[in-house]
Amino acid sequence: MDGLNWQQPFIWLADLMRPHNKAIALAMVTTLLVIFGDVINATFKKLLKRQMVWVRVSAFIGLCAFGYGAFTVWITPLLASFLMHRSPITYVFVVIVSFVVVGILAERFQRKKL
């Protein structure tokens, strides 16, 4: 039995996934922002609670429009590059495990809200 036979399904799956690498990285980053956005916003709100209303509103606009946007724009290409330079087996493993971990985090944070 050839040593590459067990790797073929992973190589095939990686070949299917790699053209969508940027979208996969964007999905990971934005999902994490959705999961942790409430925590970030609550922390930001605590820090600004004694400020005037226009300062709080301006800060939240900056955080949501520019902070989250800049984070997404800067981190997504870094994550996409990191993923793209993995071997096919590692690529498939990292993507699948990452989405499972993100799913677990989402479920746990949702449970805390209920």
C-alpha atoms as a PDB file:
ATOM      1  CA  MET A   1       0.000   0.000   0.000  1.00  0.00           C
ATOM      2  CA  ASP A   2       1.382   3.337  -1.053  1.00  0.00           C
ATOM      3  CA  GLY A   3       2.066   5.869   1.722  1.00  0.00           C
ATOM      4  CA  LEU A   4       0.215   8.588  -0.179  1.00  0.00           C
ATOM      5  CA  ASN A   5      -3.104   6.711  -0.393  1.00  0.00           C
ATOM      6  CA  TRP A   6      -4.353   7.788   3.031  1.00  0.00           C
ATOM      7  CA  GLN A   7      -3.410  11.402   2.197  1.00  0.00           C
ATOM      8  CA  GLN A   8      -5.386  11.558  -1.046  1.00  0.00           C
ATOM      9  CA  PRO A   9      -8.748  12.524   0.536  1.00  0.00           C
ATOM     10  CA  PHE A  10      -7.048  15.353   2.447  1.00  0.00           C
ATOM     11  CA  ILE A  11      -5.256  16.577  -0.657  1.00  0.00           C
ATOM     12  CA  TRP A  12      -8.513  16.446  -2.618  1.00  0.00           C
ATOM     13  CA  LEU A  13     -10.383  18.338   0.122  1.00  0.00           C
ATOM     14  CA  ALA A  14      -7.607  20.933   0.437  1.00  0.00           C
ATOM     15  CA  ASP A  15      -7.696  21.421  -3.339  1.00  0.00           C
ATOM     16  CA  LEU A  16     -11.436  22.097  -3.085  1.00  0.00           C
ATOM     17  CA  MET A  17     -11.052  24.476  -0.142  1.00  0.00           C
ATOM     18  CA  ARG A  18      -7.980  26.517  -1.130  1.00  0.00           C
ATOM     19  CA  PRO A  19      -9.722  28.594  -3.834  1.00  0.00           C
ATOM     20  CA  HIS A  20     -12.038  29.795  -1.044  1.00  0.00           C
ATOM     21  CA  ASN A  21      -9.195  30.481   1.394  1.00  0.00           C
ATOM     22  CA  LYS A  22      -9.870  34.224   1.751  1.00  0.00           C
ATOM     23  CA  ALA A  23     -13.556  33.591   2.395  1.00  0.00           C
ATOM     24  CA  ILE A  24     -12.692  30.917   4.964  1.00  0.00           C
ATOM     25  CA  ALA A  25     -10.317  33.308   6.763  1.00  0.00           C
ATOM     26  CA  LEU A  26     -12.927  36.094   6.650  1.00  0.00           C
ATOM     27  CA  ALA A  27     -15.574  33.748   8.048  1.00  0.00           C
ATOM     28  CA  MET A  28     -13.293  32.811  10.946  1.00  0.00           C
ATOM     29  CA  VAL A  29     -12.410  36.412  11.788  1.00  0.00           C
ATOM     30  CA  THR A  30     -15.942  37.780  11.520  1.00  0.00           C
ATOM     31  CA  THR A  31     -17.431  34.903  13.487  1.00  0.00           C
ATOM     32  CA  LEU A  32     -14.983  35.534  16.323  1.00  0.00           C
ATOM     33  CA  LEU A  33     -15.916  39.224  16.255  1.00  0.00           C
ATOM     34  CA  VAL A  34     -19.596  38.327  16.459  1.00  0.00           C
ATOM     35  CA  ILE A  35     -18.963  35.959  19.368  1.00  0.00           C
ATOM     36  CA  PHE A  36     -16.753  38.350  21.332  1.00  0.00           C
ATOM     37  CA  GLY A  37     -18.331  41.614  20.171  1.00  0.00           C
ATOM     38  CA  ASP A  38     -20.658  41.817  23.168  1.00  0.00           C
ATOM     39  CA  VAL A  39     -17.751  41.328  25.572  1.00  0.00           C
ATOM     40  CA  ILE A  40     -15.677  43.964  23.782  1.00  0.00           C
ATOM     41  CA  ASN A  41     -18.598  46.394  23.683  1.00  0.00           C
ATOM     42  CA  ALA A  42     -19.403  45.841  27.374  1.00  0.00           C
ATOM     43  CA  THR A  43     -15.786  46.441  28.350  1.00  0.00           C
ATOM     44  CA  PHE A  44     -15.683  49.563  26.197  1.00  0.00           C
ATOM     45  CA  LYS A  45     -18.948  50.738  27.753  1.00  0.00           C
ATOM     46  CA  LYS A  46     -17.515  50.311  31.266  1.00  0.00           C
ATOM     47  CA  LEU A  47     -14.442  52.309  30.339  1.00  0.00           C
ATOM     48  CA  LEU A  48     -16.525  55.157  28.924  1.00  0.00           C
ATOM     49  CA  LYS A  49     -19.505  55.223  31.299  1.00  0.00           C
ATOM     50  CA  ARG A  50     -18.409  58.463  32.997  1.00  0.00           C
ATOM     51  CA  GLN A  51     -17.807  60.308  29.724  1.00  0.00           C
ATOM     52  CA  MET A  52     -20.201  62.729  28.072  1.00  0.00           C
ATOM     53  CA  VAL A  53     -22.746  61.229  25.714  1.00  0.00           C
ATOM     54  CA  TRP A  54     -21.105  62.601  22.565  1.00  0.00           C
ATOM     55  CA  VAL A  55     -17.774  61.039  23.620  1.00  0.00           C
ATOM     56  CA  ARG A  56     -19.451  57.659  24.227  1.00  0.00           C
ATOM     57  CA  VAL A  57     -21.331  57.779  20.922  1.00  0.00           C
ATOM     58  CA  SER A  58     -18.213  58.835  19.008  1.00  0.00           C
ATOM     59  CA  ALA A  59     -16.145  56.118  20.677  1.00  0.00           C
ATOM     60  CA  PHE A  60     -18.688  53.413  19.819  1.00  0.00           C
ATOM     61  CA  ILE A  61     -18.897  54.619  16.235  1.00  0.00           C
ATOM     62  CA  GLY A  62     -15.116  54.474  16.071  1.00  0.00           C
ATOM     63  CA  LEU A  63     -14.997  51.033  17.649  1.00  0.00           C
ATOM     64  CA  CYS A  64     -17.718  49.507  15.495  1.00  0.00           C
ATOM     65  CA  ALA A  65     -17.036  51.202  12.172  1.00  0.00           C
ATOM     66  CA  PHE A  66     -13.290  51.563  12.261  1.00  0.00           C
ATOM     67  CA  GLY A  67     -12.023  49.259  15.005  1.00  0.00           C
ATOM     68  CA  TYR A  68     -13.860  46.108  13.970  1.00  0.00           C
ATOM     69  CA  GLY A  69     -13.458  46.963  10.295  1.00  0.00           C
ATOM     70  CA  ALA A  70      -9.730  47.586  10.587  1.00  0.00           C
ATOM     71  CA  PHE A  71      -9.278  44.416  12.624  1.00  0.00           C
ATOM     72  CA  THR A  72     -11.098  42.421   9.948  1.00  0.00           C
ATOM     73  CA  VAL A  73      -9.189  44.029   7.070  1.00  0.00           C
ATOM     74  CA  TRP A  74      -5.783  43.515   8.726  1.00  0.00           C
ATOM     75  CA  ILE A  75      -6.235  40.071  10.300  1.00  0.00           C
ATOM     76  CA  THR A  76      -8.032  38.314   7.436  1.00  0.00           C
ATOM     77  CA  PRO A  77      -5.084  38.457   4.987  1.00  0.00           C
ATOM     78  CA  LEU A  78      -2.686  37.342   7.731  1.00  0.00           C
ATOM     79  CA  LEU A  79      -4.874  34.358   8.563  1.00  0.00           C
ATOM     80  CA  ALA A  80      -5.407  33.572   4.868  1.00  0.00           C
ATOM     81  CA  SER A  81      -1.651  33.648   4.287  1.00  0.00           C
ATOM     82  CA  PHE A  82      -1.019  31.462   7.328  1.00  0.00           C
ATOM     83  CA  LEU A  83      -3.552  28.907   6.079  1.00  0.00           C
ATOM     84  CA  MET A  84      -2.318  28.962   2.497  1.00  0.00           C
ATOM     85  CA  HIS A  85       1.224  28.030   3.527  1.00  0.00           C
ATOM     86  CA  ARG A  86       0.164  24.836   5.311  1.00  0.00           C
ATOM     87  CA  SER A  87       0.463  21.387   3.801  1.00  0.00           C
ATOM     88  CA  PRO A  88      -2.829  19.944   2.508  1.00  0.00           C
ATOM     89  CA  ILE A  89      -3.321  17.727   5.563  1.00  0.00           C
ATOM     90  CA  THR A  90      -2.494  20.524   8.000  1.00  0.00           C
ATOM     91  CA  TYR A  91      -4.673  22.963   6.043  1.00  0.00           C
ATOM     92  CA  VAL A  92      -7.748  20.740   6.221  1.00  0.00           C
ATOM     93  CA  PHE A  93      -7.092  19.905   9.880  1.00  0.00           C
ATOM     94  CA  VAL A  94      -6.612  23.557  10.937  1.00  0.00           C
ATOM     95  CA  VAL A  95      -9.710  24.767   9.066  1.00  0.00           C
ATOM     96  CA  ILE A  96     -11.963  22.020  10.416  1.00  0.00           C
ATOM     97  CA  VAL A  97     -10.655  22.276  13.986  1.00  0.00           C
ATOM     98  CA  SER A  98     -10.906  26.086  13.868  1.00  0.00           C
ATOM     99  CA  PHE A  99     -14.553  25.982  12.840  1.00  0.00           C
ATOM    100  CA  VAL A 100     -15.325  23.359  15.487  1.00  0.00           C
ATOM    101  CA  VAL A 101     -13.654  25.529  18.154  1.00  0.00           C
ATOM    102  CA  VAL A 102     -15.493  28.625  16.908  1.00  0.00           C
ATOM    103  CA  GLY A 103     -18.757  26.656  17.021  1.00  0.00           C
ATOM    104  CA  ILE A 104     -18.084  25.539  20.591  1.00  0.00           C
ATOM    105  CA  LEU A 105     -17.243  29.118  21.606  1.00  0.00           C
ATOM    106  CA  ALA A 106     -20.407  30.416  19.961  1.00  0.00           C
ATOM    107  CA  GLU A 107     -22.537  27.819  21.716  1.00  0.00           C
ATOM    108  CA  ARG A 108     -20.980  28.536  25.115  1.00  0.00           C
ATOM    109  CA  PHE A 109     -21.315  32.301  24.781  1.00  0.00           C
ATOM    110  CA  GLN A 110     -24.921  31.905  23.599  1.00  0.00           C
ATOM    111  CA  ARG A 111     -25.688  29.696  26.590  1.00  0.00           C
ATOM    112  CA  LYS A 112     -24.315  32.362  28.954  1.00  0.00           C
ATOM    113  CA  LYS A 113     -26.704  34.935  27.448  1.00  0.00           C
ATOM    114  CA  LEU A 114     -29.801  32.787  28.027  1.00  0.00           C
END
